[in-house]
Protein backbone atom coordinates (compact mmCIF):
# COMPACT_ATOMS: atom_id res chain seq x y z
CA MET A 1 -36.22 -84.53 -181.00
CA LEU A 2 -33.68 -82.43 -181.65
CA ILE A 3 -30.16 -81.89 -179.83
CA VAL A 4 -29.89 -78.47 -178.83
CA ASN A 5 -26.70 -78.28 -177.17
CA PHE A 6 -23.92 -81.12 -176.43
CA SER A 7 -22.44 -80.48 -173.61
CA LEU A 8 -19.93 -83.23 -171.33
CA GLY A 9 -21.61 -86.32 -172.69
CA CYS A 10 -24.94 -84.62 -171.56
CA ALA A 11 -26.97 -83.34 -173.90
CA LEU A 12 -29.99 -80.65 -174.23
CA LEU A 13 -32.87 -81.94 -175.97
CA SER A 14 -35.87 -80.23 -177.70
CA THR A 15 -38.76 -81.71 -178.63
CA ARG A 16 -41.40 -81.19 -181.32
CA ARG A 17 -44.44 -79.94 -180.74
CA LEU A 18 -47.24 -80.28 -182.91
CA GLY A 19 -50.63 -77.92 -182.31
CA ASP A 20 -53.87 -77.48 -183.60
CA ASN A 21 -57.31 -75.65 -182.16
CA ARG A 22 -57.68 -79.06 -179.93
CA GLY A 23 -54.33 -78.66 -178.52
CA TRP A 24 -51.07 -80.15 -179.05
CA PHE A 25 -48.95 -83.33 -179.15
CA GLN A 26 -45.25 -83.57 -178.28
CA ILE A 27 -42.87 -86.32 -178.55
CA ASN A 28 -40.47 -86.25 -175.83
CA PHE A 29 -38.43 -89.19 -176.26
CA SER A 30 -37.46 -91.38 -179.28
CA VAL A 31 -34.81 -94.25 -178.47
CA ARG A 32 -34.25 -94.38 -182.23
CA GLU A 33 -33.31 -90.40 -182.10
CA LEU A 34 -31.25 -90.87 -179.68
CA GLN A 35 -29.20 -93.52 -180.98
CA GLU A 36 -28.84 -91.85 -184.68
CA ALA A 37 -27.37 -88.59 -182.60
CA GLY A 38 -24.84 -91.07 -180.98
CA LEU A 39 -26.24 -91.34 -177.45
CA SER A 40 -26.61 -94.64 -175.72
CA PHE A 41 -29.98 -95.54 -174.56
CA ASP A 42 -31.45 -98.60 -176.13
CA HIS A 43 -34.68 -98.80 -174.09
CA VAL A 44 -36.48 -97.79 -171.28
CA GLU A 45 -36.64 -99.85 -168.29
CA GLN A 46 -38.46 -97.04 -165.82
CA LEU A 47 -40.55 -94.51 -165.88
CA ASN A 48 -39.84 -92.45 -162.27
CA HIS A 49 -41.63 -88.95 -161.26
CA SER A 50 -40.65 -86.77 -158.64
CA TYR A 51 -42.53 -83.61 -156.86
CA THR A 52 -40.75 -80.99 -154.75
CA GLU A 53 -42.93 -78.22 -153.01
CA HIS A 54 -40.58 -75.69 -152.31
CA ALA A 55 -37.98 -73.22 -154.76
CA GLY A 56 -34.75 -73.46 -154.06
CA VAL A 57 -34.59 -77.55 -153.00
CA VAL A 58 -31.61 -79.05 -154.06
CA ARG A 59 -31.88 -82.90 -154.96
CA GLY A 60 -28.83 -85.04 -155.67
CA LEU A 61 -26.01 -85.49 -156.70
CA ASN A 62 -27.25 -88.87 -156.95
CA TYR A 63 -26.40 -92.10 -159.28
CA GLN A 64 -26.50 -96.11 -159.44
CA ALA A 65 -23.37 -97.77 -159.05
CA ASP A 66 -22.69 -101.13 -161.35
CA PRO A 67 -24.28 -102.98 -162.37
CA TYR A 68 -27.27 -100.91 -161.90
CA ALA A 69 -25.94 -97.52 -163.71
CA GLN A 70 -28.43 -95.49 -165.54
CA ALA A 71 -28.77 -93.42 -168.26
CA LYS A 72 -31.89 -90.87 -167.55
CA VAL A 73 -33.50 -88.31 -170.19
CA VAL A 74 -34.89 -85.66 -167.21
CA SER A 75 -38.11 -83.59 -168.40
CA CYS A 76 -39.64 -80.94 -166.15
CA ILE A 77 -43.61 -81.25 -166.37
CA ALA A 78 -44.52 -78.62 -163.39
CA GLY A 79 -42.64 -75.56 -162.01
CA ALA A 80 -38.68 -75.21 -163.06
CA VAL A 81 -35.43 -76.55 -162.63
CA TYR A 82 -31.83 -76.14 -163.10
CA SER A 83 -30.47 -79.81 -163.91
CA VAL A 84 -27.00 -80.51 -163.73
CA GLY A 85 -24.89 -83.74 -164.50
CA VAL A 86 -21.73 -84.44 -163.35
CA ASP A 87 -18.99 -86.62 -164.93
CA ILE A 88 -17.75 -89.43 -162.33
CA THR A 89 -15.99 -91.90 -164.58
CA PRO A 90 -12.47 -91.91 -163.14
CA SER A 91 -10.81 -92.60 -166.66
CA SER A 92 -12.75 -90.05 -168.70
CA GLU A 93 -11.61 -86.76 -169.72
CA THR A 94 -13.88 -84.82 -168.29
CA PHE A 95 -13.97 -86.38 -164.76
CA GLY A 96 -15.29 -84.19 -162.26
CA GLN A 97 -16.82 -81.62 -164.77
CA TRP A 98 -19.95 -80.86 -164.98
CA CYS A 99 -23.03 -79.17 -167.07
CA GLY A 100 -26.47 -77.71 -166.15
CA PHE A 101 -29.52 -76.96 -168.35
CA GLN A 102 -32.61 -75.14 -167.51
CA LEU A 103 -35.82 -77.20 -168.05
CA THR A 104 -39.32 -76.31 -167.76
CA PRO A 105 -42.56 -76.99 -169.53
CA GLU A 106 -42.77 -74.30 -171.58
CA ASN A 107 -39.49 -74.45 -172.90
CA HIS A 108 -40.18 -78.22 -174.51
CA GLN A 109 -36.85 -79.64 -173.35
CA CYS A 110 -35.29 -82.58 -171.85
CA MET A 111 -31.83 -83.41 -170.54
CA TYR A 112 -30.20 -86.54 -171.69
CA VAL A 113 -27.94 -88.01 -168.78
CA PRO A 114 -25.63 -90.76 -169.62
CA ARG A 115 -24.31 -93.85 -167.58
CA GLY A 116 -21.28 -92.45 -165.57
CA TYR A 117 -22.45 -89.28 -164.34
CA ALA A 118 -24.12 -88.36 -161.36
CA HIS A 119 -27.56 -85.72 -161.74
CA GLY A 120 -29.15 -83.56 -159.37
CA PHE A 121 -31.42 -80.24 -159.59
CA VAL A 122 -32.08 -77.35 -157.98
CA THR A 123 -35.92 -76.08 -157.95
CA LEU A 124 -36.37 -72.75 -159.45
CA SER A 125 -40.29 -72.61 -158.48
CA GLU A 126 -42.47 -74.27 -156.22
CA LYS A 127 -44.49 -77.44 -156.73
CA THR A 128 -42.00 -78.60 -159.69
CA GLU A 129 -42.77 -82.12 -160.85
CA LEU A 130 -39.95 -84.11 -163.30
CA GLN A 131 -40.20 -87.43 -165.15
CA TYR A 132 -37.34 -89.24 -165.73
CA LEU A 133 -36.82 -92.18 -168.45
CA THR A 134 -34.08 -94.56 -167.18
CA ASP A 135 -32.40 -97.44 -168.85
CA ASN A 136 -31.83 -99.64 -165.88
CA VAL A 137 -33.96 -100.38 -162.75
CA TYR A 138 -33.31 -98.64 -159.46
CA SER A 139 -31.48 -100.65 -156.74
CA HIS A 140 -31.46 -99.57 -153.18
CA ASP A 141 -28.32 -100.78 -152.48
CA HIS A 142 -26.57 -99.31 -155.30
CA ALA A 143 -28.53 -95.67 -154.84
CA LYS A 144 -25.46 -93.39 -154.40
CA SER A 145 -24.97 -89.60 -153.74
CA ILE A 146 -22.07 -86.80 -154.00
CA ARG A 147 -22.51 -83.65 -151.93
CA TYR A 148 -24.00 -80.81 -154.13
CA ASP A 149 -21.90 -78.48 -152.49
CA ASP A 150 -18.44 -80.25 -153.28
CA PRO A 151 -16.32 -77.22 -153.50
CA ASN A 152 -14.13 -78.88 -156.37
CA LEU A 153 -17.07 -78.98 -158.40
CA ALA A 154 -18.15 -75.71 -158.01
CA ILE A 155 -21.31 -75.89 -159.24
CA ASP A 156 -23.53 -72.65 -159.13
CA TRP A 157 -26.77 -73.75 -157.69
CA THR A 158 -27.79 -70.51 -157.41
CA MET A 159 -27.55 -69.63 -161.36
CA GLY A 160 -25.95 -66.18 -160.38
CA GLY A 161 -28.23 -65.74 -157.63
CA VAL A 162 -31.34 -66.67 -159.48
CA VAL A 163 -32.63 -68.86 -157.04
CA ARG A 164 -32.15 -68.93 -153.12
CA LEU A 165 -30.94 -72.28 -152.09
CA ARG A 166 -32.97 -74.19 -148.88
CA PRO A 167 -30.07 -76.45 -147.67
CA ASP A 168 -32.29 -76.98 -144.48
CA ILE A 169 -34.35 -79.22 -146.84
CA LEU A 170 -32.18 -81.88 -148.01
CA SER A 171 -32.68 -85.58 -147.52
CA GLU A 172 -30.51 -87.29 -145.28
CA LYS A 173 -28.95 -89.17 -148.10
CA ASN A 174 -27.98 -86.19 -149.58
CA ARG A 175 -26.77 -84.79 -146.37
CA GLN A 176 -24.68 -87.06 -145.64
CA ALA A 177 -23.11 -87.43 -148.79
CA PRO A 178 -19.46 -87.85 -149.43
CA LEU A 179 -16.73 -85.50 -151.58
CA LEU A 180 -16.69 -87.21 -155.35
CA ARG A 181 -12.84 -87.77 -154.41
CA ASP A 182 -14.07 -90.24 -151.32
CA ALA A 183 -17.33 -91.10 -153.11
CA LEU A 184 -15.62 -93.77 -155.80
């Protein structure tokens, strides 16, 4: 696993793929390699899998409050997404700033999202599936959200017009989410 791009505490990870006449083998995740790169992730607690039927659907911005905060490694196994991390640690120099990466099965990349960040994504194609490795368990009582369309964050979910958003397809949790300034 190689770090292709490091941005605001998040990292775009490129996986190694070895191929032969049978197909290929790929290492998507290595705790040791993340730690050697200075990224905090010491074990896998959960593997989560999500499926989204339509293009243009936003999921997030979601996070787990302490003591259930999570670091994540997110990979797209079908379809395509624009994956976004937002620094929500008030004491951070980059508080309220965001970064985003396009993830597809074809580009063989994953996104590392550290603790203290909210994560969300918009689907760029139909029938999109993501897998998330997390370093802490999910707690329904600690699951929080921030509005994806918070004007102070100004996230370009359309990627400059590449995708048409479907705000009619939001979870109730994301629909009712507060702005960042009201969330913490």
